[in-house]
Each structure stands twice: as C-alpha cells, then as structure tokens.
Amino acid sequence: MTNLAALTSMTTGIEVPTDLYNKVLLDRAVTSNGTYTATDKDTIELCLADIYMATANNVDYGEGSLNVKYDRAQLIRMAKEIYRKNGESVACIDGTSQW
C-alpha cells in the first residue's frame, strides 16, 4: 500500500480533490507513492487532519439535486484531536490565546 492509498482510505465519505491529497503529502514531506509502514502512521494522520481542516474551510455547494455539506465543527474537532495527539499546536479559533 502506498502512502497516498493509506491516506485516501481514511477519507471515506469526504470528497477530496486529488491535488489536495498531493499538497498535504508534500507539505508533510511524505512521498505519495512511497510504501506505507507503521512508522508512517502519525504523519499520515497529520495529513488527514490537514485534509479535515481544508474541508472544513470549503464552502458548501450544490448542483441540481446534489448538495454537498459537511459538519465543519466535527471536522475541526477531529483535526484538533489528531494535532494534539501528535504534539502539534492547535490554532485557536474560539478566541482563547494559545500562549
């Protein structure tokens, strides 16, 4: 399994553009076609958190009878939990200072 395949397997139910997968993997210095191993788990989870945050910041859209809308608050909660678990600082969007 590649790193990209591992990441895409975790985003079931979320429509994610291929370019976003590639961006978050590049931002985290992960080779998309590299072989996924257990040591990559935390980094791939951080990529997932980045996708959750990007998705939460997208606008809802619809065309005809198709409407795509995500629970932004839940996506942000899940992303923050992954960031905290991996020791990354979490941006405060609730008005509290992180210092």
PDB file of N, CA and C in Angstrom:
ATOM      1  N   MET A   1       0.851  -1.180   0.000  1.00  0.00           N
ATOM      2  CA  MET A   1       0.000   0.000   0.000  1.00  0.00           C
ATOM      3  C   MET A   1       0.889   1.233   0.000  1.00  0.00           C
ATOM      4  N   THR A   2       0.518   2.213  -0.795  1.00  0.00           N
ATOM      5  CA  THR A   2       1.285   3.462  -0.829  1.00  0.00           C
ATOM      6  C   THR A   2       0.780   4.419   0.249  1.00  0.00           C
ATOM      7  N   ASN A   3       1.567   5.453   0.503  1.00  0.00           N
ATOM      8  CA  ASN A   3       1.146   6.478   1.466  1.00  0.00           C
ATOM      9  C   ASN A   3      -0.136   7.155   0.991  1.00  0.00           C
ATOM     10  N   LEU A   4      -0.236   7.407  -0.304  1.00  0.00           N
ATOM     11  CA  LEU A   4      -1.448   8.019  -0.850  1.00  0.00           C
ATOM     12  C   LEU A   4      -2.650   7.111  -0.650  1.00  0.00           C
ATOM     13  N   ALA A   5      -2.487   5.829  -0.895  1.00  0.00           N
ATOM     14  CA  ALA A   5      -3.587   4.874  -0.702  1.00  0.00           C
ATOM     15  C   ALA A   5      -4.004   4.804   0.772  1.00  0.00           C
ATOM     16  N   ALA A   6      -3.037   4.851   1.671  1.00  0.00           N
ATOM     17  CA  ALA A   6      -3.348   4.839   3.096  1.00  0.00           C
ATOM     18  C   ALA A   6      -4.170   6.070   3.475  1.00  0.00           C
ATOM     19  N   LEU A   7      -3.763   7.224   2.954  1.00  0.00           N
ATOM     20  CA  LEU A   7      -4.483   8.466   3.253  1.00  0.00           C
ATOM     21  C   LEU A   7      -5.881   8.462   2.656  1.00  0.00           C
ATOM     22  N   THR A   8      -6.004   8.057   1.408  1.00  0.00           N
ATOM     23  CA  THR A   8      -7.323   8.060   0.779  1.00  0.00           C
ATOM     24  C   THR A   8      -8.265   7.068   1.456  1.00  0.00           C
ATOM     25  N   SER A   9      -7.725   5.993   2.016  1.00  0.00           N
ATOM     26  CA  SER A   9      -8.582   5.019   2.692  1.00  0.00           C
ATOM     27  C   SER A   9      -9.203   5.594   3.964  1.00  0.00           C
ATOM     28  N   MET A  10      -8.626   6.657   4.487  1.00  0.00           N
ATOM     29  CA  MET A  10      -9.108   7.267   5.726  1.00  0.00           C
ATOM     30  C   MET A  10     -10.112   8.387   5.481  1.00  0.00           C
ATOM     31  N   THR A  11     -10.357   8.733   4.227  1.00  0.00           N
ATOM     32  CA  THR A  11     -11.239   9.861   3.927  1.00  0.00           C
ATOM     33  C   THR A  11     -12.549   9.415   3.288  1.00  0.00           C
ATOM     34  N   THR A  12     -12.972   8.209   3.564  1.00  0.00           N
ATOM     35  CA  THR A  12     -14.235   7.721   3.028  1.00  0.00           C
ATOM     36  C   THR A  12     -15.371   8.639   3.482  1.00  0.00           C
ATOM     37  N   GLY A  13     -16.189   9.048   2.542  1.00  0.00           N
ATOM     38  CA  GLY A  13     -17.314   9.926   2.863  1.00  0.00           C
ATOM     39  C   GLY A  13     -17.007  11.403   2.684  1.00  0.00           C
ATOM     40  N   ILE A  14     -15.773  11.727   2.397  1.00  0.00           N
ATOM     41  CA  ILE A  14     -15.385  13.117   2.163  1.00  0.00           C
ATOM     42  C   ILE A  14     -14.872  13.211   0.735  1.00  0.00           C
ATOM     43  N   GLU A  15     -15.396  14.164  -0.003  1.00  0.00           N
ATOM     44  CA  GLU A  15     -14.931  14.373  -1.373  1.00  0.00           C
ATOM     45  C   GLU A  15     -13.675  15.234  -1.336  1.00  0.00           C
ATOM     46  N   VAL A  16     -12.545  14.625  -1.669  1.00  0.00           N
ATOM     47  CA  VAL A  16     -11.255  15.308  -1.589  1.00  0.00           C
ATOM     48  C   VAL A  16     -10.618  15.348  -2.978  1.00  0.00           C
ATOM     49  N   PRO A  17     -10.300  16.539  -3.478  1.00  0.00           N
ATOM     50  CA  PRO A  17      -9.621  16.624  -4.773  1.00  0.00           C
ATOM     51  C   PRO A  17      -8.228  15.987  -4.705  1.00  0.00           C
ATOM     52  N   THR A  18      -7.811  15.367  -5.782  1.00  0.00           N
ATOM     53  CA  THR A  18      -6.501  14.719  -5.848  1.00  0.00           C
ATOM     54  C   THR A  18      -5.382  15.703  -5.527  1.00  0.00           C
ATOM     55  N   ASP A  19      -5.526  16.938  -6.002  1.00  0.00           N
ATOM     56  CA  ASP A  19      -4.500  17.949  -5.730  1.00  0.00           C
ATOM     57  C   ASP A  19      -4.337  18.213  -4.242  1.00  0.00           C
ATOM     58  N   LEU A  20      -5.424  18.128  -3.476  1.00  0.00           N
ATOM     59  CA  LEU A  20      -5.326  18.351  -2.026  1.00  0.00           C
ATOM     60  C   LEU A  20      -4.551  17.213  -1.367  1.00  0.00           C
ATOM     61  N   TYR A  21      -4.814  15.981  -1.781  1.00  0.00           N
ATOM     62  CA  TYR A  21      -4.024  14.853  -1.258  1.00  0.00           C
ATOM     63  C   TYR A  21      -2.534  15.106  -1.514  1.00  0.00           C
ATOM     64  N   ASN A  22      -2.221  15.445  -2.751  1.00  0.00           N
ATOM     65  CA  ASN A  22      -0.820  15.667  -3.109  1.00  0.00           C
ATOM     66  C   ASN A  22      -0.214  16.820  -2.322  1.00  0.00           C
ATOM     67  N   LYS A  23      -0.983  17.890  -2.109  1.00  0.00           N
ATOM     68  CA  LYS A  23      -0.472  19.046  -1.371  1.00  0.00           C
ATOM     69  C   LYS A  23      -0.142  18.699   0.066  1.00  0.00           C
ATOM     70  N   VAL A  24      -1.078  18.055   0.768  1.00  0.00           N
ATOM     71  CA  VAL A  24      -0.820  17.762   2.184  1.00  0.00           C
ATOM     72  C   VAL A  24       0.331  16.765   2.333  1.00  0.00           C
ATOM     73  N   LEU A  25       0.437  15.821   1.412  1.00  0.00           N
ATOM     74  CA  LEU A  25       1.563  14.891   1.479  1.00  0.00           C
ATOM     75  C   LEU A  25       2.888  15.623   1.253  1.00  0.00           C
ATOM     76  N   LEU A  26       2.914  16.516   0.265  1.00  0.00           N
ATOM     77  CA  LEU A  26       4.130  17.297   0.019  1.00  0.00           C
ATOM     78  C   LEU A  26       4.460  18.211   1.192  1.00  0.00           C
ATOM     79  N   ASP A  27       3.441  18.857   1.752  1.00  0.00           N
ATOM     80  CA  ASP A  27       3.653  19.752   2.892  1.00  0.00           C
ATOM     81  C   ASP A  27       4.247  19.021   4.086  1.00  0.00           C
ATOM     82  N   ARG A  28       3.918  17.750   4.222  1.00  0.00           N
ATOM     83  CA  ARG A  28       4.416  16.934   5.343  1.00  0.00           C
ATOM     84  C   ARG A  28       5.642  16.109   4.945  1.00  0.00           C
ATOM     85  N   ALA A  29       6.196  16.391   3.758  1.00  0.00           N
ATOM     86  CA  ALA A  29       7.401  15.709   3.257  1.00  0.00           C
ATOM     87  C   ALA A  29       7.215  14.199   3.162  1.00  0.00           C
ATOM     88  N   VAL A  30       6.053  13.791   2.681  1.00  0.00           N
ATOM     89  CA  VAL A  30       5.740  12.379   2.501  1.00  0.00           C
ATOM     90  C   VAL A  30       5.665  12.100   1.004  1.00  0.00           C
ATOM     91  N   THR A  31       6.325  11.055   0.566  1.00  0.00           N
ATOM     92  CA  THR A  31       6.270  10.655  -0.833  1.00  0.00           C
ATOM     93  C   THR A  31       4.977   9.895  -1.065  1.00  0.00           C
ATOM     94  N   SER A  32       4.146  10.377  -1.978  1.00  0.00           N
ATOM     95  CA  SER A  32       2.829   9.767  -2.185  1.00  0.00           C
ATOM     96  C   SER A  32       2.919   8.320  -2.642  1.00  0.00           C
ATOM     97  N   ASN A  33       3.897   7.986  -3.462  1.00  0.00           N
ATOM     98  CA  ASN A  33       3.994   6.609  -3.932  1.00  0.00           C
ATOM     99  C   ASN A  33       4.944   5.760  -3.097  1.00  0.00           C
ATOM    100  N   GLY A  34       5.412   6.317  -1.975  1.00  0.00           N
ATOM    101  CA  GLY A  34       6.242   5.542  -1.055  1.00  0.00           C
ATOM    102  C   GLY A  34       5.414   4.469  -0.364  1.00  0.00           C
ATOM    103  N   THR A  35       6.056   3.424   0.078  1.00  0.00           N
ATOM    104  CA  THR A  35       5.363   2.330   0.748  1.00  0.00           C
ATOM    105  C   THR A  35       4.973   2.741   2.159  1.00  0.00           C
ATOM    106  N   TYR A  36       3.701   2.576   2.478  1.00  0.00           N
ATOM    107  CA  TYR A  36       3.189   2.897   3.815  1.00  0.00           C
ATOM    108  C   TYR A  36       3.651   1.842   4.812  1.00  0.00           C
ATOM    109  N   THR A  37       4.181   2.299   5.938  1.00  0.00           N
ATOM    110  CA  THR A  37       4.564   1.400   7.021  1.00  0.00           C
ATOM    111  C   THR A  37       3.987   1.943   8.324  1.00  0.00           C
ATOM    112  N   ALA A  38       4.049   1.134   9.359  1.00  0.00           N
ATOM    113  CA  ALA A  38       3.505   1.548  10.656  1.00  0.00           C
ATOM    114  C   ALA A  38       4.200   2.793  11.195  1.00  0.00           C
ATOM    115  N   THR A  39       5.451   2.989  10.836  1.00  0.00           N
ATOM    116  CA  THR A  39       6.161   4.183  11.309  1.00  0.00           C
ATOM    117  C   THR A  39       5.636   5.460  10.656  1.00  0.00           C
ATOM    118  N   ASP A  40       4.906   5.322   9.554  1.00  0.00           N
ATOM    119  CA  ASP A  40       4.325   6.474   8.861  1.00  0.00           C
ATOM    120  C   ASP A  40       2.957   6.866   9.412  1.00  0.00           C
ATOM    121  N   LYS A  41       2.421   6.081  10.318  1.00  0.00           N
ATOM    122  CA  LYS A  41       1.044   6.266  10.797  1.00  0.00           C
ATOM    123  C   LYS A  41       0.793   7.691  11.301  1.00  0.00           C
ATOM    124  N   ASP A  42       1.651   8.193  12.170  1.00  0.00           N
ATOM    125  CA  ASP A  42       1.424   9.521  12.746  1.00  0.00           C
ATOM    126  C   ASP A  42       1.456  10.616  11.682  1.00  0.00           C
ATOM    127  N   THR A  43       2.385  10.528  10.748  1.00  0.00           N
ATOM    128  CA  THR A  43       2.481  11.542   9.695  1.00  0.00           C
ATOM    129  C   THR A  43       1.276  11.485   8.773  1.00  0.00           C
ATOM    130  N   ILE A  44       0.813  10.293   8.448  1.00  0.00           N
ATOM    131  CA  ILE A  44      -0.374  10.160   7.598  1.00  0.00           C
ATOM    132  C   ILE A  44      -1.594  10.690   8.338  1.00  0.00           C
ATOM    133  N   GLU A  45      -1.673  10.452   9.653  1.00  0.00           N
ATOM    134  CA  GLU A  45      -2.783  11.012  10.432  1.00  0.00           C
ATOM    135  C   GLU A  45      -2.746  12.534  10.416  1.00  0.00           C
ATOM    136  N   LEU A  46      -1.553  13.119  10.482  1.00  0.00           N
ATOM    137  CA  LEU A  46      -1.447  14.576  10.409  1.00  0.00           C
ATOM    138  C   LEU A  46      -1.886  15.085   9.038  1.00  0.00           C
ATOM    139  N   CYS A  47      -1.587  14.338   7.999  1.00  0.00           N
ATOM    140  CA  CYS A  47      -2.089  14.690   6.665  1.00  0.00           C
ATOM    141  C   CYS A  47      -3.614  14.656   6.654  1.00  0.00           C
ATOM    142  N   LEU A  48      -4.183  13.659   7.314  1.00  0.00           N
ATOM    143  CA  LEU A  48      -5.638  13.554   7.415  1.00  0.00           C
ATOM    144  C   LEU A  48      -6.214  14.769   8.143  1.00  0.00           C
ATOM    145  N   ALA A  49      -5.561  15.183   9.220  1.00  0.00           N
ATOM    146  CA  ALA A  49      -6.017  16.368   9.952  1.00  0.00           C
ATOM    147  C   ALA A  49      -5.975  17.601   9.061  1.00  0.00           C
ATOM    148  N   ASP A  50      -4.938  17.715   8.250  1.00  0.00           N
ATOM    149  CA  ASP A  50      -4.840  18.841   7.316  1.00  0.00           C
ATOM    150  C   ASP A  50      -5.992  18.812   6.308  1.00  0.00           C
ATOM    151  N   ILE A  51      -6.368  17.623   5.858  1.00  0.00           N
ATOM    152  CA  ILE A  51      -7.499  17.490   4.935  1.00  0.00           C
ATOM    153  C   ILE A  51      -8.802  17.864   5.635  1.00  0.00           C
ATOM    154  N   TYR A  52      -8.965  17.425   6.889  1.00  0.00           N
ATOM    155  CA  TYR A  52     -10.164  17.806   7.639  1.00  0.00           C
ATOM    156  C   TYR A  52     -10.271  19.324   7.742  1.00  0.00           C
ATOM    157  N   MET A  53      -9.167  19.995   8.051  1.00  0.00           N
ATOM    158  CA  MET A  53      -9.200  21.455   8.190  1.00  0.00           C
ATOM    159  C   MET A  53      -9.498  22.126   6.846  1.00  0.00           C
ATOM    160  N   ALA A  54      -8.902  21.636   5.786  1.00  0.00           N
ATOM    161  CA  ALA A  54      -9.161  22.214   4.465  1.00  0.00           C
ATOM    162  C   ALA A  54     -10.616  22.010   4.067  1.00  0.00           C
ATOM    163  N   THR A  55     -11.155  20.850   4.356  1.00  0.00           N
ATOM    164  CA  THR A  55     -12.551  20.556   4.024  1.00  0.00           C
ATOM    165  C   THR A  55     -13.490  21.420   4.851  1.00  0.00           C
ATOM    166  N   ALA A  56     -13.159  21.626   6.114  1.00  0.00           N
ATOM    167  CA  ALA A  56     -13.997  22.464   6.983  1.00  0.00           C
ATOM    168  C   ALA A  56     -14.028  23.911   6.502  1.00  0.00           C
ATOM    169  N   ASN A  57     -13.000  24.321   5.792  1.00  0.00           N
ATOM    170  CA  ASN A  57     -12.927  25.701   5.299  1.00  0.00           C
ATOM    171  C   ASN A  57     -13.484  25.875   3.897  1.00  0.00           C
ATOM    172  N   ASN A  58     -13.943  24.793   3.282  1.00  0.00           N
ATOM    173  CA  ASN A  58     -14.558  24.884   1.956  1.00  0.00           C
ATOM    174  C   ASN A  58     -16.012  25.311   2.072  1.00  0.00           C
ATOM    175  N   VAL A  59     -16.509  25.921   1.047  1.00  0.00           N
ATOM    176  CA  VAL A  59     -17.911  26.309   1.023  1.00  0.00           C
ATOM    177  C   VAL A  59     -18.764  25.104   0.633  1.00  0.00           C
ATOM    178  N   ASP A  60     -20.008  25.100   1.107  1.00  0.00           N
ATOM    179  CA  ASP A  60     -20.955  24.079   0.682  1.00  0.00           C
ATOM    180  C   ASP A  60     -21.318  24.355  -0.770  1.00  0.00           C
ATOM    181  N   TYR A  61     -21.626  23.322  -1.502  1.00  0.00           N
ATOM    182  CA  TYR A  61     -22.017  23.540  -2.887  1.00  0.00           C
ATOM    183  C   TYR A  61     -23.095  22.557  -3.289  1.00  0.00           C
ATOM    184  N   GLY A  62     -23.797  22.941  -4.309  1.00  0.00           N
ATOM    185  CA  GLY A  62     -24.856  22.094  -4.826  1.00  0.00           C
ATOM    186  C   GLY A  62     -25.059  22.335  -6.303  1.00  0.00           C
ATOM    187  N   GLU A  63     -25.555  21.305  -6.938  1.00  0.00           N
ATOM    188  CA  GLU A  63     -25.870  21.409  -8.357  1.00  0.00           C
ATOM    189  C   GLU A  63     -27.066  20.502  -8.605  1.00  0.00           C
ATOM    190  N   GLY A  64     -28.154  21.100  -9.025  1.00  0.00           N
ATOM    191  CA  GLY A  64     -29.374  20.312  -9.211  1.00  0.00           C
ATOM    192  C   GLY A  64     -29.824  19.724  -7.882  1.00  0.00           C
ATOM    193  N   SER A  65     -30.005  18.426  -7.856  1.00  0.00           N
ATOM    194  CA  SER A  65     -30.437  17.783  -6.615  1.00  0.00           C
ATOM    195  C   SER A  65     -29.265  17.335  -5.746  1.00  0.00           C
ATOM    196  N   LEU A  66     -28.017  17.541  -6.211  1.00  0.00           N
ATOM    197  CA  LEU A  66     -26.835  17.168  -5.445  1.00  0.00           C
ATOM    198  C   LEU A  66     -26.409  18.328  -4.559  1.00  0.00           C
ATOM    199  N   ASN A  67     -26.317  18.079  -3.277  1.00  0.00           N
ATOM    200  CA  ASN A  67     -25.818  19.071  -2.332  1.00  0.00           C
ATOM    201  C   ASN A  67     -24.749  18.426  -1.475  1.00  0.00           C
ATOM    202  N   VAL A  68     -23.621  19.094  -1.329  1.00  0.00           N
ATOM    203  CA  VAL A  68     -22.532  18.589  -0.509  1.00  0.00           C
ATOM    204  C   VAL A  68     -22.328  19.555   0.647  1.00  0.00           C
ATOM    205  N   LYS A  69     -22.476  19.032   1.854  1.00  0.00           N
ATOM    206  CA  LYS A  69     -22.324  19.848   3.058  1.00  0.00           C
ATOM    207  C   LYS A  69     -21.702  18.971   4.132  1.00  0.00           C
ATOM    208  N   TYR A  70     -20.694  19.486   4.815  1.00  0.00           N
ATOM    209  CA  TYR A  70     -20.017  18.737   5.861  1.00  0.00           C
ATOM    210  C   TYR A  70     -20.234  19.420   7.204  1.00  0.00           C
ATOM    211  N   ASP A  71     -20.173  18.644   8.258  1.00  0.00           N
ATOM    212  CA  ASP A  71     -20.259  19.180   9.610  1.00  0.00           C
ATOM    213  C   ASP A  71     -18.895  19.789   9.945  1.00  0.00           C
ATOM    214  N   ARG A  72     -18.778  21.087   9.720  1.00  0.00           N
ATOM    215  CA  ARG A  72     -17.494  21.765   9.896  1.00  0.00           C
ATOM    216  C   ARG A  72     -16.969  21.645  11.322  1.00  0.00           C
ATOM    217  N   ALA A  73     -17.832  21.815  12.295  1.00  0.00           N
ATOM    218  CA  ALA A  73     -17.394  21.747  13.686  1.00  0.00           C
ATOM    219  C   ALA A  73     -16.810  20.376  14.010  1.00  0.00           C
ATOM    220  N   GLN A  74     -17.434  19.324  13.508  1.00  0.00           N
ATOM    221  CA  GLN A  74     -16.930  17.970  13.759  1.00  0.00           C
ATOM    222  C   GLN A  74     -15.589  17.742  13.060  1.00  0.00           C
ATOM    223  N   LEU A  75     -15.448  18.219  11.831  1.00  0.00           N
ATOM    224  CA  LEU A  75     -14.174  18.075  11.128  1.00  0.00           C
ATOM    225  C   LEU A  75     -13.056  18.792  11.883  1.00  0.00           C
ATOM    226  N   ILE A  76     -13.335  19.981  12.385  1.00  0.00           N
ATOM    227  CA  ILE A  76     -12.330  20.744  13.141  1.00  0.00           C
ATOM    228  C   ILE A  76     -11.993  20.027  14.441  1.00  0.00           C
ATOM    229  N   ARG A  77     -12.988  19.490  15.138  1.00  0.00           N
ATOM    230  CA  ARG A  77     -12.730  18.733  16.373  1.00  0.00           C
ATOM    231  C   ARG A  77     -11.829  17.529  16.102  1.00  0.00           C
ATOM    232  N   MET A  78     -12.132  16.786  15.034  1.00  0.00           N
ATOM    233  CA  MET A  78     -11.325  15.615  14.710  1.00  0.00           C
ATOM    234  C   MET A  78      -9.895  16.017  14.358  1.00  0.00           C
ATOM    235  N   ALA A  79      -9.741  17.092  13.589  1.00  0.00           N
ATOM    236  CA  ALA A  79      -8.408  17.564  13.219  1.00  0.00           C
ATOM    237  C   ALA A  79      -7.631  17.996  14.458  1.00  0.00           C
ATOM    238  N   LYS A  80      -8.257  18.764  15.329  1.00  0.00           N
ATOM    239  CA  LYS A  80      -7.583  19.224  16.543  1.00  0.00           C
ATOM    240  C   LYS A  80      -7.134  18.057  17.410  1.00  0.00           C
ATOM    241  N   GLU A  81      -7.949  17.032  17.510  1.00  0.00           N
ATOM    242  CA  GLU A  81      -7.585  15.865  18.304  1.00  0.00           C
ATOM    243  C   GLU A  81      -6.348  15.180  17.728  1.00  0.00           C
ATOM    244  N   ILE A  82      -6.285  15.062  16.415  1.00  0.00           N
ATOM    245  CA  ILE A  82      -5.112  14.453  15.774  1.00  0.00           C
ATOM    246  C   ILE A  82      -3.879  15.324  16.007  1.00  0.00           C
ATOM    247  N   TYR A  83      -4.018  16.637  15.849  1.00  0.00           N
ATOM    248  CA  TYR A  83      -2.885  17.537  16.078  1.00  0.00           C
ATOM    249  C   TYR A  83      -2.382  17.411  17.519  1.00  0.00           C
ATOM    250  N   ARG A  84      -3.293  17.443  18.476  1.00  0.00           N
ATOM    251  CA  ARG A  84      -2.901  17.334  19.896  1.00  0.00           C
ATOM    252  C   ARG A  84      -2.206  16.008  20.180  1.00  0.00           C
ATOM    253  N   LYS A  85      -2.781  14.937  19.651  1.00  0.00           N
ATOM    254  CA  LYS A  85      -2.228  13.597  19.862  1.00  0.00           C
ATOM    255  C   LYS A  85      -0.794  13.505  19.356  1.00  0.00           C
ATOM    256  N   ASN A  86      -0.489  14.227  18.307  1.00  0.00           N
ATOM    257  CA  ASN A  86       0.833  14.182  17.711  1.00  0.00           C
ATOM    258  C   ASN A  86       1.725  15.345  18.123  1.00  0.00           C
ATOM    259  N   GLY A  87       1.307  16.089  19.146  1.00  0.00           N
ATOM    260  CA  GLY A  87       2.142  17.131  19.723  1.00  0.00           C
ATOM    261  C   GLY A  87       2.248  18.407  18.920  1.00  0.00           C
ATOM    262  N   GLU A  88       1.331  18.628  17.994  1.00  0.00           N
ATOM    263  CA  GLU A  88       1.352  19.873  17.223  1.00  0.00           C
ATOM    264  C   GLU A  88       0.442  20.898  17.892  1.00  0.00           C
ATOM    265  N   SER A  89       0.838  22.158  17.782  1.00  0.00           N
ATOM    266  CA  SER A  89      -0.010  23.204  18.338  1.00  0.00           C
ATOM    267  C   SER A  89      -1.282  23.303  17.510  1.00  0.00           C
ATOM    268  N   VAL A  90      -2.348  23.646  18.191  1.00  0.00           N
ATOM    269  CA  VAL A  90      -3.654  23.746  17.547  1.00  0.00           C
ATOM    270  C   VAL A  90      -4.042  25.206  17.483  1.00  0.00           C
ATOM    271  N   ALA A  91      -4.378  25.656  16.297  1.00  0.00           N
ATOM    272  CA  ALA A  91      -4.811  27.044  16.136  1.00  0.00           C
ATOM    273  C   ALA A  91      -6.090  27.273  16.927  1.00  0.00           C
ATOM    274  N   CYS A  92      -6.137  28.379  17.614  1.00  0.00           N
ATOM    275  CA  CYS A  92      -7.323  28.711  18.404  1.00  0.00           C
ATOM    276  C   CYS A  92      -8.262  29.546  17.560  1.00  0.00           C
ATOM    277  N   ILE A  93      -9.431  29.026  17.319  1.00  0.00           N
ATOM    278  CA  ILE A  93     -10.410  29.805  16.578  1.00  0.00           C
ATOM    279  C   ILE A  93     -11.588  30.181  17.475  1.00  0.00           C
ATOM    280  N   ASP A  94     -11.432  29.901  18.770  1.00  0.00           N
ATOM    281  CA  ASP A  94     -12.520  30.213  19.691  1.00  0.00           C
ATOM    282  C   ASP A  94     -12.253  31.480  20.487  1.00  0.00           C
ATOM    283  N   GLY A  95     -11.193  32.197  20.145  1.00  0.00           N
ATOM    284  CA  GLY A  95     -10.900  33.466  20.803  1.00  0.00           C
ATOM    285  C   GLY A  95      -9.935  33.346  21.962  1.00  0.00           C
ATOM    286  N   THR A  96      -9.579  32.122  22.388  1.00  0.00           N
ATOM    287  CA  THR A  96      -8.647  31.980  23.508  1.00  0.00           C
ATOM    288  C   THR A  96      -7.236  31.989  22.974  1.00  0.00           C
ATOM    289  N   SER A  97      -6.346  32.520  23.775  1.00  0.00           N
ATOM    290  CA  SER A  97      -4.945  32.600  23.368  1.00  0.00           C
ATOM    291  C   SER A  97      -4.276  31.247  23.550  1.00  0.00           C
ATOM    292  N   GLN A  98      -3.376  30.897  22.645  1.00  0.00           N
ATOM    293  CA  GLN A  98      -2.644  29.650  22.802  1.00  0.00           C
ATOM    294  C   GLN A  98      -1.329  29.859  23.558  1.00  0.00           C
ATOM    295  N   TRP A  99      -1.069  31.091  24.018  1.00  0.00           N
ATOM    296  CA  TRP A  99       0.152  31.364  24.777  1.00  0.00           C
ATOM    297  C   TRP A  99      -0.171  31.551  26.208  1.00  0.00           C
TER     298      TRP A  99
END
